């Protein structure tokens, strides 16, 4: 009988569980679960809202039932930006302990970036790429050697600008705010973009009737697709957006700000290609525990931008 292993990622908007088997040195995802506790909805002092704690307990209760039904071993529970920012996260941690009988880990943005990169590296087997993970509360960028965590994400931007922001305003604001970060280590590379907004982009583009993460893996994001999709969704109500693939579970009212963040970051990176990865942090958590670390060759810290071809002036003929 195959041994089953599980990880749980509790983020700012959603909580996700992966149950996978380990086969011939590979992780094979078998069961994926998602719920929306919306921990980013906090009180005036940054404390978790009672409604969010109740939603979290209900979501984790369903996860625990799946663990019991499959016999999977829960390897690790990680919590990210929403809990990182709480002045006192003990109430959230206590819900996790009591519901899952596990000790949760509040991980740093840098570790979150590293594990997201590892998930892509293990599955796609290619070094030299950059990973961009636009979550609800933060955005992480990573390569083999570099990590960057930006405390802005789809939900935090939706709180500030609304679910259908004035696109010119949010673009201008994001360009200004991103000026303070160094994107050079992540630029001019193949890019994998992950997170709820990226998954929704792929699901909508593929017109999937049912959202399945495996159907999105490696989806090619052609130039201009992010902005076109963002503009299309901007003109729909939250209710209509929620009927589209990948926009259930509370994503409909944060997807446009999330796509704007994706667009603003990609604008800084000048990627040689862009693909969607739906693997995410939960896959990287299991990969770190169960698989050997990949041995990649050294790569330059910063890739130089490609040189524009020099235009030669033709000689004038003498008459």
C-alpha atoms as a PDB file:
ATOM      1  CA  UNK A   1       0.000   0.000   0.000  1.00  0.00           C
ATOM      2  CA  UNK A   2       1.313   3.444  -0.929  1.00  0.00           C
ATOM      3  CA  UNK A   3       2.232   5.765   1.897  1.00  0.00           C
ATOM      4  CA  UNK A   4       0.400   9.087   1.705  1.00  0.00           C
ATOM      5  CA  UNK A   5       1.741  12.415   2.903  1.00  0.00           C
ATOM      6  CA  UNK A   6      -0.028  15.736   3.404  1.00  0.00           C
ATOM      7  CA  UNK A   7       0.783  19.403   3.834  1.00  0.00           C
ATOM      8  CA  UNK A   8      -1.455  22.356   4.628  1.00  0.00           C
ATOM      9  CA  UNK A   9      -0.868  25.991   3.692  1.00  0.00           C
ATOM     10  CA  UNK A  10      -2.962  28.555   5.574  1.00  0.00           C
ATOM     11  CA  UNK A  11      -2.753  31.834   3.679  1.00  0.00           C
ATOM     12  CA  UNK A  12      -4.329  35.272   3.885  1.00  0.00           C
ATOM     13  CA  UNK A  13      -7.465  34.366   1.932  1.00  0.00           C
ATOM     14  CA  UNK A  14      -7.503  30.603   1.493  1.00  0.00           C
ATOM     15  CA  UNK A  15      -6.251  27.420   3.103  1.00  0.00           C
ATOM     16  CA  UNK A  16      -5.078  24.546   0.918  1.00  0.00           C
ATOM     17  CA  UNK A  17      -4.256  20.918   1.572  1.00  0.00           C
ATOM     18  CA  UNK A  18      -2.291  18.535  -0.620  1.00  0.00           C
ATOM     19  CA  UNK A  19      -2.252  14.767  -0.157  1.00  0.00           C
ATOM     20  CA  UNK A  20       0.383  13.068  -2.294  1.00  0.00           C
ATOM     21  CA  UNK A  21       2.074   9.704  -2.657  1.00  0.00           C
ATOM     22  CA  UNK A  22       5.798   9.171  -2.984  1.00  0.00           C
ATOM     23  CA  UNK A  23       6.492   6.986  -6.019  1.00  0.00           C
ATOM     24  CA  UNK A  24       9.943   6.236  -7.471  1.00  0.00           C
ATOM     25  CA  UNK A  25      11.362   9.442  -6.051  1.00  0.00           C
ATOM     26  CA  UNK A  26       8.458  11.563  -7.307  1.00  0.00           C
ATOM     27  CA  UNK A  27       5.578  13.249  -5.557  1.00  0.00           C
ATOM     28  CA  UNK A  28       2.239  12.388  -7.140  1.00  0.00           C
ATOM     29  CA  UNK A  29      -0.607  14.683  -6.003  1.00  0.00           C
ATOM     30  CA  UNK A  30      -3.729  12.645  -5.247  1.00  0.00           C
ATOM     31  CA  UNK A  31      -6.086  14.893  -3.297  1.00  0.00           C
ATOM     32  CA  UNK A  32      -6.320  18.694  -3.205  1.00  0.00           C
ATOM     33  CA  UNK A  33      -8.637  20.585  -0.881  1.00  0.00           C
ATOM     34  CA  UNK A  34      -9.263  24.317  -0.578  1.00  0.00           C
ATOM     35  CA  UNK A  35     -11.282  26.480   1.780  1.00  0.00           C
ATOM     36  CA  UNK A  36     -11.594  30.195   2.410  1.00  0.00           C
ATOM     37  CA  UNK A  37     -11.186  31.247   6.053  1.00  0.00           C
ATOM     38  CA  UNK A  38     -10.136  34.785   4.976  1.00  0.00           C
ATOM     39  CA  UNK A  39      -7.712  35.377   7.836  1.00  0.00           C
ATOM     40  CA  UNK A  40      -6.817  38.691   6.209  1.00  0.00           C
ATOM     41  CA  UNK A  41     -10.093  40.063   7.555  1.00  0.00           C
ATOM     42  CA  UNK A  42      -8.766  41.314  10.884  1.00  0.00           C
ATOM     43  CA  UNK A  43     -10.034  43.592  13.638  1.00  0.00           C
ATOM     44  CA  UNK A  44      -8.965  47.220  14.154  1.00  0.00           C
ATOM     45  CA  UNK A  45      -5.865  46.190  16.102  1.00  0.00           C
ATOM     46  CA  UNK A  46      -4.820  43.523  13.600  1.00  0.00           C
ATOM     47  CA  UNK A  47      -6.294  40.708  15.667  1.00  0.00           C
ATOM     48  CA  UNK A  48      -8.042  37.807  13.879  1.00  0.00           C
ATOM     49  CA  UNK A  49     -11.775  38.363  13.487  1.00  0.00           C
ATOM     50  CA  UNK A  50     -13.978  35.849  15.369  1.00  0.00           C
ATOM     51  CA  UNK A  51     -15.740  34.993  12.088  1.00  0.00           C
ATOM     52  CA  UNK A  52     -12.396  34.190  10.467  1.00  0.00           C
ATOM     53  CA  UNK A  53     -11.460  31.880  13.341  1.00  0.00           C
ATOM     54  CA  UNK A  54     -14.773  30.051  13.014  1.00  0.00           C
ATOM     55  CA  UNK A  55     -14.282  29.695   9.253  1.00  0.00           C
ATOM     56  CA  UNK A  56     -10.728  28.445   9.823  1.00  0.00           C
ATOM     57  CA  UNK A  57     -11.924  25.806  12.284  1.00  0.00           C
ATOM     58  CA  UNK A  58     -14.570  24.616   9.812  1.00  0.00           C
ATOM     59  CA  UNK A  59     -12.115  24.436   6.898  1.00  0.00           C
ATOM     60  CA  UNK A  60      -9.455  22.609   8.904  1.00  0.00           C
ATOM     61  CA  UNK A  61     -12.120  20.254  10.227  1.00  0.00           C
ATOM     62  CA  UNK A  62     -12.903  19.215   6.654  1.00  0.00           C
ATOM     63  CA  UNK A  63      -9.188  18.777   5.981  1.00  0.00           C
ATOM     64  CA  UNK A  64      -8.850  16.578   9.069  1.00  0.00           C
ATOM     65  CA  UNK A  65     -11.696  14.399   7.801  1.00  0.00           C
ATOM     66  CA  UNK A  66      -9.885  13.909   4.481  1.00  0.00           C
ATOM     67  CA  UNK A  67      -6.716  12.992   6.355  1.00  0.00           C
ATOM     68  CA  UNK A  68      -8.656  10.444   8.386  1.00  0.00           C
ATOM     69  CA  UNK A  69     -10.372   8.987   5.310  1.00  0.00           C
ATOM     70  CA  UNK A  70      -7.113   8.547   3.375  1.00  0.00           C
ATOM     71  CA  UNK A  71      -4.786   7.684   6.253  1.00  0.00           C
ATOM     72  CA  UNK A  72      -2.333  10.339   5.048  1.00  0.00           C
ATOM     73  CA  UNK A  73       0.376  11.567   7.408  1.00  0.00           C
ATOM     74  CA  UNK A  74       0.232  15.314   7.964  1.00  0.00           C
ATOM     75  CA  UNK A  75       3.855  16.380   7.554  1.00  0.00           C
ATOM     76  CA  UNK A  76       3.636  20.125   8.140  1.00  0.00           C
ATOM     77  CA  UNK A  77       1.192  23.013   8.522  1.00  0.00           C
ATOM     78  CA  UNK A  78       2.533  26.418   7.425  1.00  0.00           C
ATOM     79  CA  UNK A  79       0.988  29.856   7.875  1.00  0.00           C
ATOM     80  CA  UNK A  80       1.995  32.903   5.880  1.00  0.00           C
ATOM     81  CA  UNK A  81       1.497  36.678   5.524  1.00  0.00           C
ATOM     82  CA  UNK A  82      -1.792  37.208   7.397  1.00  0.00           C
ATOM     83  CA  UNK A  83      -0.432  35.492  10.495  1.00  0.00           C
ATOM     84  CA  UNK A  84       3.042  37.007  10.076  1.00  0.00           C
ATOM     85  CA  UNK A  85       1.473  40.468  10.422  1.00  0.00           C
ATOM     86  CA  UNK A  86      -0.714  39.735  13.439  1.00  0.00           C
ATOM     87  CA  UNK A  87       0.552  41.313  16.663  1.00  0.00           C
ATOM     88  CA  UNK A  88      -0.638  38.203  18.515  1.00  0.00           C
ATOM     89  CA  UNK A  89      -1.387  35.162  16.321  1.00  0.00           C
ATOM     90  CA  UNK A  90      -1.939  32.786  19.236  1.00  0.00           C
ATOM     91  CA  UNK A  91      -5.696  32.492  18.631  1.00  0.00           C
ATOM     92  CA  UNK A  92      -5.061  31.271  15.069  1.00  0.00           C
ATOM     93  CA  UNK A  93      -2.326  28.878  16.159  1.00  0.00           C
ATOM     94  CA  UNK A  94      -4.591  27.487  18.840  1.00  0.00           C
ATOM     95  CA  UNK A  95      -7.322  26.696  16.291  1.00  0.00           C
ATOM     96  CA  UNK A  96      -4.776  24.802  14.186  1.00  0.00           C
ATOM     97  CA  UNK A  97      -3.484  22.837  17.177  1.00  0.00           C
ATOM     98  CA  UNK A  98      -6.929  21.877  18.444  1.00  0.00           C
ATOM     99  CA  UNK A  99      -8.373  20.991  15.038  1.00  0.00           C
ATOM    100  CA  UNK A 100      -5.452  19.200  13.396  1.00  0.00           C
ATOM    101  CA  UNK A 101      -3.520  17.989  16.476  1.00  0.00           C
ATOM    102  CA  UNK A 102      -0.404  19.458  14.862  1.00  0.00           C
ATOM    103  CA  UNK A 103       2.030  22.236  15.699  1.00  0.00           C
ATOM    104  CA  UNK A 104       1.827  24.982  13.022  1.00  0.00           C
ATOM    105  CA  UNK A 105       4.800  26.912  11.635  1.00  0.00           C
ATOM    106  CA  UNK A 106       4.584  30.613  10.825  1.00  0.00           C
ATOM    107  CA  UNK A 107       7.148  30.861   8.037  1.00  0.00           C
ATOM    108  CA  UNK A 108       8.987  33.914   6.763  1.00  0.00           C
ATOM    109  CA  UNK A 109       8.370  35.425   3.349  1.00  0.00           C
ATOM    110  CA  UNK A 110      11.824  34.254   2.290  1.00  0.00           C
ATOM    111  CA  UNK A 111      11.088  30.637   3.217  1.00  0.00           C
ATOM    112  CA  UNK A 112       7.741  30.879   1.456  1.00  0.00           C
ATOM    113  CA  UNK A 113       9.549  32.074  -1.685  1.00  0.00           C
ATOM    114  CA  UNK A 114      12.131  29.304  -1.438  1.00  0.00           C
ATOM    115  CA  UNK A 115       9.539  26.533  -1.050  1.00  0.00           C
ATOM    116  CA  UNK A 116       7.458  27.865  -3.942  1.00  0.00           C
ATOM    117  CA  UNK A 117      10.569  27.817  -6.150  1.00  0.00           C
ATOM    118  CA  UNK A 118      11.391  24.282  -5.000  1.00  0.00           C
ATOM    119  CA  UNK A 119       7.922  23.076  -6.005  1.00  0.00           C
ATOM    120  CA  UNK A 120       8.469  24.254  -9.583  1.00  0.00           C
ATOM    121  CA  UNK A 121      12.061  23.008  -9.724  1.00  0.00           C
ATOM    122  CA  UNK A 122      11.145  19.495  -8.582  1.00  0.00           C
ATOM    123  CA  UNK A 123       8.259  19.159 -11.036  1.00  0.00           C
ATOM    124  CA  UNK A 124       9.735  20.832 -14.125  1.00  0.00           C
ATOM    125  CA  UNK A 125      13.374  19.880 -13.724  1.00  0.00           C
ATOM    126  CA  UNK A 126      14.870  23.099 -15.038  1.00  0.00           C
ATOM    127  CA  UNK A 127      17.243  25.485 -13.305  1.00  0.00           C
ATOM    128  CA  UNK A 128      17.741  29.167 -14.076  1.00  0.00           C
ATOM    129  CA  UNK A 129      14.085  30.202 -13.883  1.00  0.00           C
ATOM    130  CA  UNK A 130      12.376  32.692 -11.568  1.00  0.00           C
ATOM    131  CA  UNK A 131       9.161  32.063  -9.688  1.00  0.00           C
ATOM    132  CA  UNK A 132       6.602  34.791  -8.951  1.00  0.00           C
ATOM    133  CA  UNK A 133       3.934  33.864  -6.411  1.00  0.00           C
ATOM    134  CA  UNK A 134       1.196  36.487  -6.061  1.00  0.00           C
ATOM    135  CA  UNK A 135      -0.826  35.533  -3.018  1.00  0.00           C
ATOM    136  CA  UNK A 136      -3.597  37.336  -1.216  1.00  0.00           C
ATOM    137  CA  UNK A 137      -1.387  39.046   1.341  1.00  0.00           C
ATOM    138  CA  UNK A 138       2.081  39.124  -0.184  1.00  0.00           C
ATOM    139  CA  UNK A 139       4.084  38.484  -3.334  1.00  0.00           C
ATOM    140  CA  UNK A 140       7.212  36.333  -3.351  1.00  0.00           C
ATOM    141  CA  UNK A 141       9.923  36.141  -6.007  1.00  0.00           C
ATOM    142  CA  UNK A 142      12.602  33.469  -6.043  1.00  0.00           C
ATOM    143  CA  UNK A 143      15.425  31.918  -7.996  1.00  0.00           C
ATOM    144  CA  UNK A 144      17.851  29.245  -6.902  1.00  0.00           C
ATOM    145  CA  UNK A 145      19.907  31.848  -5.055  1.00  0.00           C
ATOM    146  CA  UNK A 146      17.704  34.895  -4.483  1.00  0.00           C
ATOM    147  CA  UNK A 147      14.514  35.543  -2.472  1.00  0.00           C
ATOM    148  CA  UNK A 148      12.268  38.586  -2.247  1.00  0.00           C
ATOM    149  CA  UNK A 149       9.025  39.020  -0.301  1.00  0.00           C
ATOM    150  CA  UNK A 150       6.817  42.051  -1.005  1.00  0.00           C
ATOM    151  CA  UNK A 151       4.012  42.753   1.524  1.00  0.00           C
ATOM    152  CA  UNK A 152       1.379  43.375  -1.152  1.00  0.00           C
ATOM    153  CA  UNK A 153      -1.049  40.876  -2.613  1.00  0.00           C
ATOM    154  CA  UNK A 154      -4.473  40.474  -4.172  1.00  0.00           C
ATOM    155  CA  UNK A 155      -6.494  40.884  -0.962  1.00  0.00           C
ATOM    156  CA  UNK A 156      -4.495  43.753   0.494  1.00  0.00           C
ATOM    157  CA  UNK A 157      -4.772  45.615  -2.827  1.00  0.00           C
ATOM    158  CA  UNK A 158      -8.508  44.880  -3.049  1.00  0.00           C
ATOM    159  CA  UNK A 159      -8.960  46.359   0.421  1.00  0.00           C
ATOM    160  CA  UNK A 160      -7.203  49.519  -0.716  1.00  0.00           C
ATOM    161  CA  UNK A 161      -8.524  49.917  -4.271  1.00  0.00           C
ATOM    162  CA  UNK A 162     -11.713  47.821  -4.353  1.00  0.00           C
ATOM    163  CA  UNK A 163     -12.569  44.744  -6.396  1.00  0.00           C
ATOM    164  CA  UNK A 164     -12.874  46.778  -9.631  1.00  0.00           C
ATOM    165  CA  UNK A 165     -10.239  49.491  -9.213  1.00  0.00           C
ATOM    166  CA  UNK A 166      -9.559  52.259 -11.668  1.00  0.00           C
ATOM    167  CA  UNK A 167      -6.922  50.411 -13.695  1.00  0.00           C
ATOM    168  CA  UNK A 168      -4.819  53.447 -14.503  1.00  0.00           C
ATOM    169  CA  UNK A 169      -4.673  54.377 -10.807  1.00  0.00           C
ATOM    170  CA  UNK A 170      -3.655  50.965  -9.493  1.00  0.00           C
ATOM    171  CA  UNK A 171      -1.054  50.562 -12.259  1.00  0.00           C
ATOM    172  CA  UNK A 172       0.463  53.928 -11.461  1.00  0.00           C
ATOM    173  CA  UNK A 173       0.523  53.162  -7.741  1.00  0.00           C
ATOM    174  CA  UNK A 174       2.083  49.726  -8.186  1.00  0.00           C
ATOM    175  CA  UNK A 175       4.791  51.051 -10.485  1.00  0.00           C
ATOM    176  CA  UNK A 176       5.694  53.663  -7.879  1.00  0.00           C
ATOM    177  CA  UNK A 177       5.718  51.238  -4.941  1.00  0.00           C
ATOM    178  CA  UNK A 178       7.750  48.598  -6.763  1.00  0.00           C
ATOM    179  CA  UNK A 179      10.499  51.139  -7.406  1.00  0.00           C
ATOM    180  CA  UNK A 180      11.930  50.435  -3.945  1.00  0.00           C
ATOM    181  CA  UNK A 181      12.642  46.767  -4.714  1.00  0.00           C
ATOM    182  CA  UNK A 182      15.551  45.248  -6.616  1.00  0.00           C
ATOM    183  CA  UNK A 183      14.234  42.984  -9.362  1.00  0.00           C
ATOM    184  CA  UNK A 184      17.577  42.472 -11.116  1.00  0.00           C
ATOM    185  CA  UNK A 185      18.221  38.954  -9.707  1.00  0.00           C
ATOM    186  CA  UNK A 186      14.887  37.760 -11.148  1.00  0.00           C
ATOM    187  CA  UNK A 187      14.925  39.471 -14.543  1.00  0.00           C
ATOM    188  CA  UNK A 188      15.521  38.169 -18.077  1.00  0.00           C
ATOM    189  CA  UNK A 189      14.719  34.567 -17.148  1.00  0.00           C
ATOM    190  CA  UNK A 190      11.958  32.066 -17.849  1.00  0.00           C
ATOM    191  CA  UNK A 191       9.262  32.819 -15.253  1.00  0.00           C
ATOM    192  CA  UNK A 192       6.683  30.605 -13.568  1.00  0.00           C
ATOM    193  CA  UNK A 193       3.863  32.581 -11.972  1.00  0.00           C
ATOM    194  CA  UNK A 194       1.686  31.031  -9.278  1.00  0.00           C
ATOM    195  CA  UNK A 195      -1.051  31.968  -6.822  1.00  0.00           C
ATOM    196  CA  UNK A 196      -4.821  32.284  -7.070  1.00  0.00           C
ATOM    197  CA  UNK A 197      -4.821  35.075  -9.649  1.00  0.00           C
ATOM    198  CA  UNK A 198      -2.444  33.192 -11.954  1.00  0.00           C
ATOM    199  CA  UNK A 199      -4.481  29.998 -11.646  1.00  0.00           C
ATOM    200  CA  UNK A 200      -7.669  31.917 -12.433  1.00  0.00           C
ATOM    201  CA  UNK A 201      -5.983  33.471 -15.480  1.00  0.00           C
ATOM    202  CA  UNK A 202      -5.163  30.017 -16.855  1.00  0.00           C
ATOM    203  CA  UNK A 203      -8.546  28.503 -15.977  1.00  0.00           C
ATOM    204  CA  UNK A 204     -10.444  31.346 -17.676  1.00  0.00           C
ATOM    205  CA  UNK A 205      -8.190  31.256 -20.738  1.00  0.00           C
ATOM    206  CA  UNK A 206      -8.673  27.499 -21.075  1.00  0.00           C
ATOM    207  CA  UNK A 207     -12.421  27.852 -20.375  1.00  0.00           C
ATOM    208  CA  UNK A 208     -12.309  24.951 -17.966  1.00  0.00           C
ATOM    209  CA  UNK A 209     -15.671  23.684 -16.798  1.00  0.00           C
ATOM    210  CA  UNK A 210     -14.132  22.397 -13.589  1.00  0.00           C
ATOM    211  CA  UNK A 211     -11.106  23.836 -11.819  1.00  0.00           C
ATOM    212  CA  UNK A 212      -8.322  21.248 -11.568  1.00  0.00           C
ATOM    213  CA  UNK A 213      -4.806  22.441 -10.657  1.00  0.00           C
ATOM    214  CA  UNK A 214      -3.177  19.717 -12.766  1.00  0.00           C
ATOM    215  CA  UNK A 215      -4.920  21.051 -15.894  1.00  0.00           C
ATOM    216  CA  UNK A 216      -3.224  24.444 -15.465  1.00  0.00           C
ATOM    217  CA  UNK A 217       0.356  23.339 -14.945  1.00  0.00           C
ATOM    218  CA  UNK A 218       2.696  24.836 -17.531  1.00  0.00           C
ATOM    219  CA  UNK A 219       0.050  27.015 -19.197  1.00  0.00           C
ATOM    220  CA  UNK A 220       1.779  29.514 -21.507  1.00  0.00           C
ATOM    221  CA  UNK A 221       0.988  33.146 -20.754  1.00  0.00           C
ATOM    222  CA  UNK A 222       1.301  35.030 -24.011  1.00  0.00           C
ATOM    223  CA  UNK A 223       2.254  38.690 -24.024  1.00  0.00           C
ATOM    224  CA  UNK A 224      -0.653  40.966 -23.148  1.00  0.00           C
ATOM    225  CA  UNK A 225      -2.895  38.163 -21.815  1.00  0.00           C
ATOM    226  CA  UNK A 226      -2.743  39.322 -18.184  1.00  0.00           C
ATOM    227  CA  UNK A 227      -3.835  42.872 -19.006  1.00  0.00           C
ATOM    228  CA  UNK A 228      -6.543  41.738 -21.447  1.00  0.00           C
ATOM    229  CA  UNK A 229      -8.019  39.340 -18.902  1.00  0.00           C
ATOM    230  CA  UNK A 230      -7.820  41.931 -16.153  1.00  0.00           C
ATOM    231  CA  UNK A 231      -9.686  44.473 -18.288  1.00  0.00           C
ATOM    232  CA  UNK A 232     -12.325  41.900 -19.207  1.00  0.00           C
ATOM    233  CA  UNK A 233     -12.951  40.920 -15.580  1.00  0.00           C
ATOM    234  CA  UNK A 234     -12.924  44.547 -14.449  1.00  0.00           C
ATOM    235  CA  UNK A 235     -16.184  45.208 -16.281  1.00  0.00           C
ATOM    236  CA  UNK A 236     -18.018  42.302 -14.626  1.00  0.00           C
ATOM    237  CA  UNK A 237     -19.748  42.341 -11.256  1.00  0.00           C
ATOM    238  CA  UNK A 238     -18.319  40.235  -8.445  1.00  0.00           C
ATOM    239  CA  UNK A 239     -21.307  37.914  -8.834  1.00  0.00           C
ATOM    240  CA  UNK A 240     -20.666  37.329 -12.536  1.00  0.00           C
ATOM    241  CA  UNK A 241     -16.937  36.867 -11.963  1.00  0.00           C
ATOM    242  CA  UNK A 242     -17.676  34.173  -9.394  1.00  0.00           C
ATOM    243  CA  UNK A 243     -19.310  32.045 -12.117  1.00  0.00           C
ATOM    244  CA  UNK A 244     -16.072  31.856 -14.122  1.00  0.00           C
ATOM    245  CA  UNK A 245     -13.550  29.008 -13.806  1.00  0.00           C
ATOM    246  CA  UNK A 246     -11.143  29.396 -10.903  1.00  0.00           C
ATOM    247  CA  UNK A 247     -13.022  32.298  -9.307  1.00  0.00           C
ATOM    248  CA  UNK A 248     -14.951  30.501  -6.627  1.00  0.00           C
ATOM    249  CA  UNK A 249     -13.813  30.341  -3.003  1.00  0.00           C
ATOM    250  CA  UNK A 250     -13.703  34.114  -2.537  1.00  0.00           C
ATOM    251  CA  UNK A 251     -11.392  34.925  -5.456  1.00  0.00           C
ATOM    252  CA  UNK A 252     -13.894  36.909  -7.546  1.00  0.00           C
ATOM    253  CA  UNK A 253     -13.522  40.122  -5.563  1.00  0.00           C
ATOM    254  CA  UNK A 254      -9.707  40.071  -5.436  1.00  0.00           C
ATOM    255  CA  UNK A 255      -8.712  38.708  -8.857  1.00  0.00           C
ATOM    256  CA  UNK A 256      -8.456  42.045 -10.705  1.00  0.00           C
ATOM    257  CA  UNK A 257      -6.067  43.615  -8.156  1.00  0.00           C
ATOM    258  CA  UNK A 258      -4.158  40.319  -8.133  1.00  0.00           C
ATOM    259  CA  UNK A 259      -3.751  40.321 -11.909  1.00  0.00           C
ATOM    260  CA  UNK A 260      -2.608  43.926 -11.758  1.00  0.00           C
ATOM    261  CA  UNK A 261       0.123  42.854  -9.349  1.00  0.00           C
ATOM    262  CA  UNK A 262       1.107  40.011 -11.694  1.00  0.00           C
ATOM    263  CA  UNK A 263       1.300  42.475 -14.594  1.00  0.00           C
ATOM    264  CA  UNK A 264       3.311  45.052 -12.649  1.00  0.00           C
ATOM    265  CA  UNK A 265       5.902  42.488 -11.536  1.00  0.00           C
ATOM    266  CA  UNK A 266       6.243  40.894 -14.981  1.00  0.00           C
ATOM    267  CA  UNK A 267       6.767  44.381 -16.419  1.00  0.00           C
ATOM    268  CA  UNK A 268       9.883  44.641 -14.216  1.00  0.00           C
ATOM    269  CA  UNK A 269      11.209  41.195 -15.077  1.00  0.00           C
ATOM    270  CA  UNK A 270      11.159  41.198 -18.911  1.00  0.00           C
ATOM    271  CA  UNK A 271      10.724  37.391 -18.865  1.00  0.00           C
ATOM    272  CA  UNK A 272      11.920  35.319 -21.809  1.00  0.00           C
ATOM    273  CA  UNK A 273       8.806  33.157 -21.262  1.00  0.00           C
ATOM    274  CA  UNK A 274       5.967  33.020 -18.735  1.00  0.00           C
ATOM    275  CA  UNK A 275       4.116  29.916 -17.586  1.00  0.00           C
ATOM    276  CA  UNK A 276       1.587  29.235 -14.843  1.00  0.00           C
ATOM    277  CA  UNK A 277       2.313  26.782 -12.062  1.00  0.00           C
ATOM    278  CA  UNK A 278      -0.486  25.597  -9.787  1.00  0.00           C
ATOM    279  CA  UNK A 279       1.806  23.558  -7.522  1.00  0.00           C
ATOM    280  CA  UNK A 280       2.330  26.198  -4.882  1.00  0.00           C
ATOM    281  CA  UNK A 281       3.749  26.286  -1.400  1.00  0.00           C
ATOM    282  CA  UNK A 282       2.070  23.084  -0.196  1.00  0.00           C
ATOM    283  CA  UNK A 283       3.912  21.032  -2.844  1.00  0.00           C
ATOM    284  CA  UNK A 284       7.232  22.653  -1.939  1.00  0.00           C
ATOM    285  CA  UNK A 285       6.648  21.830   1.735  1.00  0.00           C
ATOM    286  CA  UNK A 286       6.360  18.114   0.941  1.00  0.00           C
ATOM    287  CA  UNK A 287       9.238  18.229  -1.526  1.00  0.00           C
ATOM    288  CA  UNK A 288      11.566  19.694   1.124  1.00  0.00           C
ATOM    289  CA  UNK A 289      10.654  16.933   3.602  1.00  0.00           C
ATOM    290  CA  UNK A 290      10.439  13.894   1.327  1.00  0.00           C
ATOM    291  CA  UNK A 291      12.758  14.455  -1.640  1.00  0.00           C
ATOM    292  CA  UNK A 292      16.499  15.055  -1.931  1.00  0.00           C
ATOM    293  CA  UNK A 293      17.577  18.606  -2.671  1.00  0.00           C
ATOM    294  CA  UNK A 294      18.127  19.172  -6.403  1.00  0.00           C
ATOM    295  CA  UNK A 295      21.735  19.563  -7.481  1.00  0.00           C
ATOM    296  CA  UNK A 296      21.819  22.503  -9.850  1.00  0.00           C
ATOM    297  CA  UNK A 297      24.867  24.085 -11.465  1.00  0.00           C
ATOM    298  CA  UNK A 298      25.909  27.505 -10.286  1.00  0.00           C
ATOM    299  CA  UNK A 299      24.216  30.314 -12.139  1.00  0.00           C
ATOM    300  CA  UNK A 300      24.916  34.054 -12.296  1.00  0.00           C
ATOM    301  CA  UNK A 301      23.289  36.127  -9.585  1.00  0.00           C
ATOM    302  CA  UNK A 302      22.090  38.617 -12.199  1.00  0.00           C
ATOM    303  CA  UNK A 303      21.473  37.913 -15.874  1.00  0.00           C
ATOM    304  CA  UNK A 304      22.475  40.726 -18.166  1.00  0.00           C
ATOM    305  CA  UNK A 305      19.742  42.065 -20.429  1.00  0.00           C
ATOM    306  CA  UNK A 306      19.964  40.937 -24.043  1.00  0.00           C
ATOM    307  CA  UNK A 307      21.752  43.352 -26.305  1.00  0.00           C
ATOM    308  CA  UNK A 308      19.704  45.087 -28.952  1.00  0.00           C
ATOM    309  CA  UNK A 309      21.048  44.314 -32.417  1.00  0.00           C
ATOM    310  CA  UNK A 310      23.141  47.153 -33.795  1.00  0.00           C
ATOM    311  CA  UNK A 311      21.585  48.715 -36.839  1.00  0.00           C
ATOM    312  CA  UNK A 312      24.130  49.288 -39.554  1.00  0.00           C
ATOM    313  CA  UNK A 313      23.783  52.248 -41.762  1.00  0.00           C
ATOM    314  CA  UNK A 314      23.920  51.470 -45.421  1.00  0.00           C
ATOM    315  CA  UNK A 315      26.439  53.285 -47.557  1.00  0.00           C
ATOM    316  CA  UNK A 316      25.175  55.889 -49.913  1.00  0.00           C
ATOM    317  CA  UNK A 317      26.008  55.145 -53.493  1.00  0.00           C
ATOM    318  CA  UNK A 318      27.877  57.778 -55.349  1.00  0.00           C
ATOM    319  CA  UNK A 319      26.386  58.875 -58.559  1.00  0.00           C
END
